[in-house]
Amino acid sequence: MCERDDCTSIANRRMGQTIMCAYLSETSPPTLRDHTGSYTLKCGLPANSIVEKNDLYLFHLVFDGEKQACTRITPIPTLLYPVYRKILDEYRKSRMDALKAMKAAGRNHPV
């Protein structure tokens, strides 16, 4: 399953895949910017990517320990940024609700 991140939470990611919606503030090295701050990728953008600084993109990132790869980059209209923020907030809320439910179920069924 693909996770969802912003510039703050991605700094702690070490494994798995994530989708991130951010502005590309620099191309070399690729630096992403959103409402939480900025994050410099430890990898390049996908080969043959046509990008423009300060445009909004969805980034697909894959992490394996200290290795990082940006496998896809999709430009999206700036007016969709608030929509993606809402989706990210709802995603995080659903993850927290699921975690709380699992913890509550564990208390109701002792080992």
N, C-alpha and C. Protein backbone atom coordinates (compact mmCIF):
# COMPACT_ATOMS: atom_id res chain seq x y z
N MET A 1 0.85 -1.18 0.00
CA MET A 1 0.00 0.00 0.00
C MET A 1 0.89 1.24 0.00
N CYS A 2 0.46 2.22 -0.71
CA CYS A 2 1.20 3.47 -0.81
C CYS A 2 0.78 4.39 0.34
N GLU A 3 1.74 4.92 1.04
CA GLU A 3 1.46 5.87 2.12
C GLU A 3 1.26 7.26 1.53
N ARG A 4 1.01 8.23 2.38
CA ARG A 4 0.89 9.64 1.99
C ARG A 4 1.78 10.43 2.93
N ASP A 5 2.51 11.39 2.39
CA ASP A 5 3.42 12.19 3.20
C ASP A 5 3.37 13.65 2.80
N ASP A 6 3.96 14.47 3.69
CA ASP A 6 4.24 15.87 3.38
C ASP A 6 5.72 16.09 3.65
N CYS A 7 6.18 17.32 3.50
CA CYS A 7 7.63 17.58 3.63
C CYS A 7 8.17 17.31 5.03
N THR A 8 7.32 17.36 6.04
CA THR A 8 7.77 17.07 7.40
C THR A 8 7.81 15.57 7.65
N SER A 9 6.74 14.87 7.33
CA SER A 9 6.67 13.44 7.64
C SER A 9 7.61 12.61 6.78
N ILE A 10 7.89 13.06 5.57
CA ILE A 10 8.75 12.27 4.68
C ILE A 10 10.19 12.19 5.19
N ALA A 11 10.59 13.16 5.99
CA ALA A 11 11.97 13.17 6.51
C ALA A 11 12.24 11.94 7.38
N ASN A 12 11.18 11.33 7.93
CA ASN A 12 11.35 10.16 8.79
C ASN A 12 11.09 8.84 8.08
N ARG A 13 10.70 8.88 6.83
CA ARG A 13 10.38 7.65 6.11
C ARG A 13 11.66 6.92 5.71
N ARG A 14 11.68 5.59 5.91
CA ARG A 14 12.83 4.77 5.56
C ARG A 14 12.46 3.58 4.67
N MET A 15 11.20 3.17 4.71
CA MET A 15 10.76 2.00 3.94
C MET A 15 9.42 2.28 3.28
N GLY A 16 9.18 1.59 2.19
CA GLY A 16 7.88 1.63 1.55
C GLY A 16 7.76 2.67 0.45
N GLN A 17 6.52 2.85 0.02
CA GLN A 17 6.20 3.79 -1.04
C GLN A 17 5.30 4.89 -0.49
N THR A 18 5.39 6.06 -1.09
CA THR A 18 4.55 7.16 -0.67
C THR A 18 4.21 8.05 -1.86
N ILE A 19 3.11 8.73 -1.73
CA ILE A 19 2.71 9.76 -2.69
C ILE A 19 2.78 11.08 -1.96
N MET A 20 3.33 12.05 -2.62
CA MET A 20 3.48 13.37 -2.01
C MET A 20 3.06 14.44 -3.00
N CYS A 21 2.27 15.39 -2.54
CA CYS A 21 1.86 16.52 -3.36
C CYS A 21 2.66 17.73 -2.88
N ALA A 22 3.47 18.30 -3.78
CA ALA A 22 4.32 19.42 -3.38
C ALA A 22 4.73 20.22 -4.61
N TYR A 23 5.18 21.42 -4.32
CA TYR A 23 5.74 22.28 -5.36
C TYR A 23 7.22 21.93 -5.53
N LEU A 24 7.70 21.95 -6.74
CA LEU A 24 9.11 21.72 -7.03
C LEU A 24 9.80 23.08 -6.99
N SER A 25 10.47 23.38 -5.87
CA SER A 25 11.07 24.71 -5.72
C SER A 25 12.46 24.80 -6.33
N GLU A 26 13.17 23.67 -6.44
CA GLU A 26 14.49 23.61 -7.10
C GLU A 26 14.56 22.31 -7.89
N THR A 27 15.30 22.33 -8.98
CA THR A 27 15.42 21.12 -9.79
C THR A 27 16.72 20.36 -9.55
N SER A 28 17.76 21.04 -9.08
CA SER A 28 19.04 20.38 -8.86
C SER A 28 19.73 20.93 -7.61
N PRO A 29 19.69 20.19 -6.51
CA PRO A 29 18.97 18.94 -6.31
C PRO A 29 17.46 19.20 -6.21
N PRO A 30 16.65 18.19 -6.54
CA PRO A 30 15.20 18.38 -6.46
C PRO A 30 14.77 18.70 -5.04
N THR A 31 14.14 19.85 -4.88
CA THR A 31 13.67 20.28 -3.57
C THR A 31 12.17 20.52 -3.64
N LEU A 32 11.44 19.89 -2.73
CA LEU A 32 9.99 19.98 -2.69
C LEU A 32 9.57 20.93 -1.58
N ARG A 33 8.42 21.59 -1.79
CA ARG A 33 7.92 22.55 -0.80
C ARG A 33 6.41 22.38 -0.67
N ASP A 34 5.95 22.39 0.59
CA ASP A 34 4.51 22.39 0.84
C ASP A 34 4.22 23.22 2.08
N HIS A 35 3.00 23.11 2.62
CA HIS A 35 2.60 23.92 3.77
C HIS A 35 3.37 23.60 5.04
N THR A 36 4.10 22.48 5.08
CA THR A 36 4.85 22.11 6.28
C THR A 36 6.33 22.48 6.22
N GLY A 37 6.81 22.86 5.03
CA GLY A 37 8.21 23.21 4.89
C GLY A 37 8.77 22.74 3.56
N SER A 38 10.05 22.35 3.57
CA SER A 38 10.67 21.88 2.33
C SER A 38 11.48 20.61 2.61
N TYR A 39 11.74 19.86 1.54
CA TYR A 39 12.47 18.61 1.65
C TYR A 39 13.28 18.42 0.37
N THR A 40 14.56 18.15 0.51
CA THR A 40 15.43 17.90 -0.64
C THR A 40 15.54 16.40 -0.86
N LEU A 41 15.18 15.96 -2.05
CA LEU A 41 15.26 14.54 -2.38
C LEU A 41 16.71 14.08 -2.40
N LYS A 42 16.93 12.83 -2.02
CA LYS A 42 18.27 12.23 -2.06
C LYS A 42 18.45 11.46 -3.37
N CYS A 43 17.65 11.78 -4.35
CA CYS A 43 17.70 11.12 -5.65
C CYS A 43 17.30 12.13 -6.72
N GLY A 44 17.51 11.76 -7.94
CA GLY A 44 17.09 12.62 -9.04
C GLY A 44 15.63 12.37 -9.40
N LEU A 45 15.12 13.20 -10.29
CA LEU A 45 13.78 13.00 -10.81
C LEU A 45 13.85 11.92 -11.90
N PRO A 46 12.72 11.31 -12.24
CA PRO A 46 12.74 10.28 -13.28
C PRO A 46 13.34 10.81 -14.58
N ALA A 47 14.03 9.93 -15.30
CA ALA A 47 14.64 10.31 -16.58
C ALA A 47 13.57 10.84 -17.53
N ASN A 48 13.96 11.83 -18.30
CA ASN A 48 13.08 12.45 -19.30
C ASN A 48 11.89 13.19 -18.71
N SER A 49 11.95 13.52 -17.41
CA SER A 49 10.88 14.32 -16.80
C SER A 49 10.99 15.75 -17.30
N ILE A 50 9.87 16.29 -17.72
CA ILE A 50 9.82 17.69 -18.11
C ILE A 50 9.17 18.44 -16.96
N VAL A 51 9.96 19.25 -16.28
CA VAL A 51 9.48 19.93 -15.08
C VAL A 51 9.77 21.42 -15.16
N GLU A 52 9.00 22.17 -14.38
CA GLU A 52 9.25 23.60 -14.24
C GLU A 52 9.25 23.92 -12.76
N LYS A 53 10.20 24.75 -12.37
CA LYS A 53 10.27 25.17 -10.98
C LYS A 53 8.97 25.85 -10.58
N ASN A 54 8.59 25.61 -9.33
CA ASN A 54 7.42 26.20 -8.69
C ASN A 54 6.09 25.68 -9.22
N ASP A 55 6.10 24.63 -10.03
CA ASP A 55 4.86 23.97 -10.42
C ASP A 55 4.52 22.90 -9.39
N LEU A 56 3.24 22.54 -9.33
CA LEU A 56 2.75 21.54 -8.38
C LEU A 56 2.75 20.16 -9.03
N TYR A 57 3.22 19.17 -8.27
CA TYR A 57 3.32 17.80 -8.79
C TYR A 57 2.89 16.80 -7.73
N LEU A 58 2.49 15.62 -8.20
CA LEU A 58 2.39 14.45 -7.34
C LEU A 58 3.67 13.65 -7.58
N PHE A 59 4.36 13.32 -6.51
CA PHE A 59 5.61 12.56 -6.58
C PHE A 59 5.36 11.16 -6.03
N HIS A 60 5.78 10.14 -6.75
CA HIS A 60 5.75 8.77 -6.23
C HIS A 60 7.17 8.44 -5.83
N LEU A 61 7.37 8.19 -4.54
CA LEU A 61 8.70 7.93 -4.00
C LEU A 61 8.75 6.54 -3.38
N VAL A 62 9.87 5.86 -3.59
CA VAL A 62 10.09 4.53 -3.03
C VAL A 62 11.31 4.59 -2.13
N PHE A 63 11.17 4.06 -0.92
CA PHE A 63 12.25 4.07 0.07
C PHE A 63 12.65 2.65 0.41
N ASP A 64 13.95 2.42 0.53
CA ASP A 64 14.49 1.13 0.95
C ASP A 64 15.72 1.44 1.80
N GLY A 65 15.50 1.58 3.10
CA GLY A 65 16.58 2.00 3.99
C GLY A 65 16.98 3.42 3.66
N GLU A 66 18.24 3.62 3.37
CA GLU A 66 18.72 4.96 3.03
C GLU A 66 18.55 5.27 1.54
N LYS A 67 18.18 4.26 0.75
CA LYS A 67 17.97 4.48 -0.69
C LYS A 67 16.61 5.12 -0.92
N GLN A 68 16.57 5.99 -1.91
CA GLN A 68 15.35 6.71 -2.23
C GLN A 68 15.25 6.80 -3.75
N ALA A 69 14.06 6.60 -4.31
CA ALA A 69 13.87 6.73 -5.75
C ALA A 69 12.57 7.44 -6.03
N CYS A 70 12.61 8.39 -6.93
CA CYS A 70 11.41 9.05 -7.42
C CYS A 70 11.06 8.36 -8.73
N THR A 71 9.99 7.57 -8.73
CA THR A 71 9.68 6.76 -9.90
C THR A 71 8.69 7.42 -10.85
N ARG A 72 7.87 8.33 -10.34
CA ARG A 72 6.91 9.04 -11.19
C ARG A 72 6.72 10.45 -10.67
N ILE A 73 6.44 11.35 -11.60
CA ILE A 73 6.13 12.73 -11.25
C ILE A 73 5.01 13.18 -12.19
N THR A 74 3.92 13.65 -11.61
CA THR A 74 2.75 14.03 -12.40
C THR A 74 2.38 15.47 -12.09
N PRO A 75 2.37 16.35 -13.08
CA PRO A 75 1.95 17.73 -12.82
C PRO A 75 0.45 17.79 -12.58
N ILE A 76 0.04 18.63 -11.63
CA ILE A 76 -1.38 18.82 -11.37
C ILE A 76 -1.65 20.32 -11.23
N PRO A 77 -2.89 20.74 -11.48
CA PRO A 77 -3.22 22.16 -11.35
C PRO A 77 -3.10 22.64 -9.90
N THR A 78 -2.60 23.84 -9.72
CA THR A 78 -2.41 24.40 -8.38
C THR A 78 -3.70 24.45 -7.58
N LEU A 79 -4.82 24.64 -8.24
CA LEU A 79 -6.09 24.72 -7.51
C LEU A 79 -6.45 23.42 -6.82
N LEU A 80 -5.77 22.32 -7.15
CA LEU A 80 -6.02 21.04 -6.48
C LEU A 80 -5.23 20.87 -5.18
N TYR A 81 -4.32 21.79 -4.88
CA TYR A 81 -3.52 21.64 -3.66
C TYR A 81 -4.38 21.56 -2.40
N PRO A 82 -5.38 22.45 -2.21
CA PRO A 82 -6.21 22.32 -1.01
C PRO A 82 -6.98 21.00 -0.96
N VAL A 83 -7.36 20.49 -2.11
CA VAL A 83 -8.06 19.20 -2.16
C VAL A 83 -7.12 18.09 -1.67
N TYR A 84 -5.87 18.10 -2.14
CA TYR A 84 -4.93 17.07 -1.71
C TYR A 84 -4.64 17.19 -0.21
N ARG A 85 -4.55 18.41 0.30
CA ARG A 85 -4.33 18.58 1.75
C ARG A 85 -5.48 17.95 2.53
N LYS A 86 -6.71 18.14 2.07
CA LYS A 86 -7.87 17.54 2.74
C LYS A 86 -7.79 16.02 2.67
N ILE A 87 -7.42 15.49 1.50
CA ILE A 87 -7.27 14.04 1.36
C ILE A 87 -6.20 13.52 2.31
N LEU A 88 -5.08 14.23 2.43
CA LEU A 88 -4.01 13.82 3.34
C LEU A 88 -4.50 13.84 4.79
N ASP A 89 -5.23 14.88 5.18
CA ASP A 89 -5.77 14.95 6.54
C ASP A 89 -6.73 13.80 6.82
N GLU A 90 -7.61 13.50 5.86
CA GLU A 90 -8.56 12.40 6.04
C GLU A 90 -7.84 11.05 6.09
N TYR A 91 -6.82 10.89 5.27
CA TYR A 91 -6.04 9.65 5.27
C TYR A 91 -5.39 9.44 6.64
N ARG A 92 -4.78 10.49 7.16
CA ARG A 92 -4.13 10.38 8.47
C ARG A 92 -5.14 10.10 9.57
N LYS A 93 -6.30 10.73 9.51
CA LYS A 93 -7.33 10.50 10.52
C LYS A 93 -7.79 9.04 10.46
N SER A 94 -8.01 8.51 9.27
CA SER A 94 -8.45 7.12 9.16
C SER A 94 -7.39 6.16 9.68
N ARG A 95 -6.12 6.46 9.43
CA ARG A 95 -5.03 5.62 9.96
C ARG A 95 -5.01 5.65 11.49
N MET A 96 -5.19 6.84 12.07
CA MET A 96 -5.21 6.96 13.53
C MET A 96 -6.42 6.24 14.12
N ASP A 97 -7.58 6.38 13.48
CA ASP A 97 -8.78 5.69 13.96
C ASP A 97 -8.59 4.18 13.92
N ALA A 98 -7.97 3.67 12.86
CA ALA A 98 -7.73 2.23 12.75
C ALA A 98 -6.77 1.76 13.84
N LEU A 99 -5.74 2.55 14.12
CA LEU A 99 -4.78 2.20 15.16
C LEU A 99 -5.45 2.17 16.53
N LYS A 100 -6.30 3.17 16.80
CA LYS A 100 -7.03 3.21 18.08
C LYS A 100 -7.95 2.00 18.21
N ALA A 101 -8.62 1.62 17.13
CA ALA A 101 -9.52 0.47 17.16
C ALA A 101 -8.74 -0.82 17.42
N MET A 102 -7.57 -0.95 16.82
CA MET A 102 -6.74 -2.14 17.06
C MET A 102 -6.29 -2.20 18.51
N LYS A 103 -5.89 -1.06 19.07
CA LYS A 103 -5.46 -1.04 20.47
C LYS A 103 -6.62 -1.38 21.38
N ALA A 104 -7.81 -0.84 21.09
CA ALA A 104 -8.98 -1.13 21.91
C ALA A 104 -9.35 -2.61 21.82
N ALA A 105 -9.26 -3.19 20.66
CA ALA A 105 -9.56 -4.61 20.49
C ALA A 105 -8.56 -5.47 21.27
N GLY A 106 -7.32 -5.05 21.32
CA GLY A 106 -6.30 -5.77 22.06
C GLY A 106 -6.56 -5.76 23.56
N ARG A 107 -7.12 -4.66 24.06
CA ARG A 107 -7.45 -4.58 25.50
C ARG A 107 -8.64 -5.45 25.84
N ASN A 108 -9.55 -5.64 24.87
CA ASN A 108 -10.75 -6.44 25.12
C ASN A 108 -10.50 -7.94 25.00
N HIS A 109 -9.37 -8.33 24.41
CA HIS A 109 -9.05 -9.74 24.22
C HIS A 109 -7.66 -10.03 24.76
N PRO A 110 -7.54 -10.18 26.08
CA PRO A 110 -6.20 -10.43 26.63
C PRO A 110 -5.66 -11.78 26.17
N VAL A 111 -4.35 -11.84 26.10
CA VAL A 111 -3.68 -13.06 25.65
C VAL A 111 -3.50 -14.01 26.79
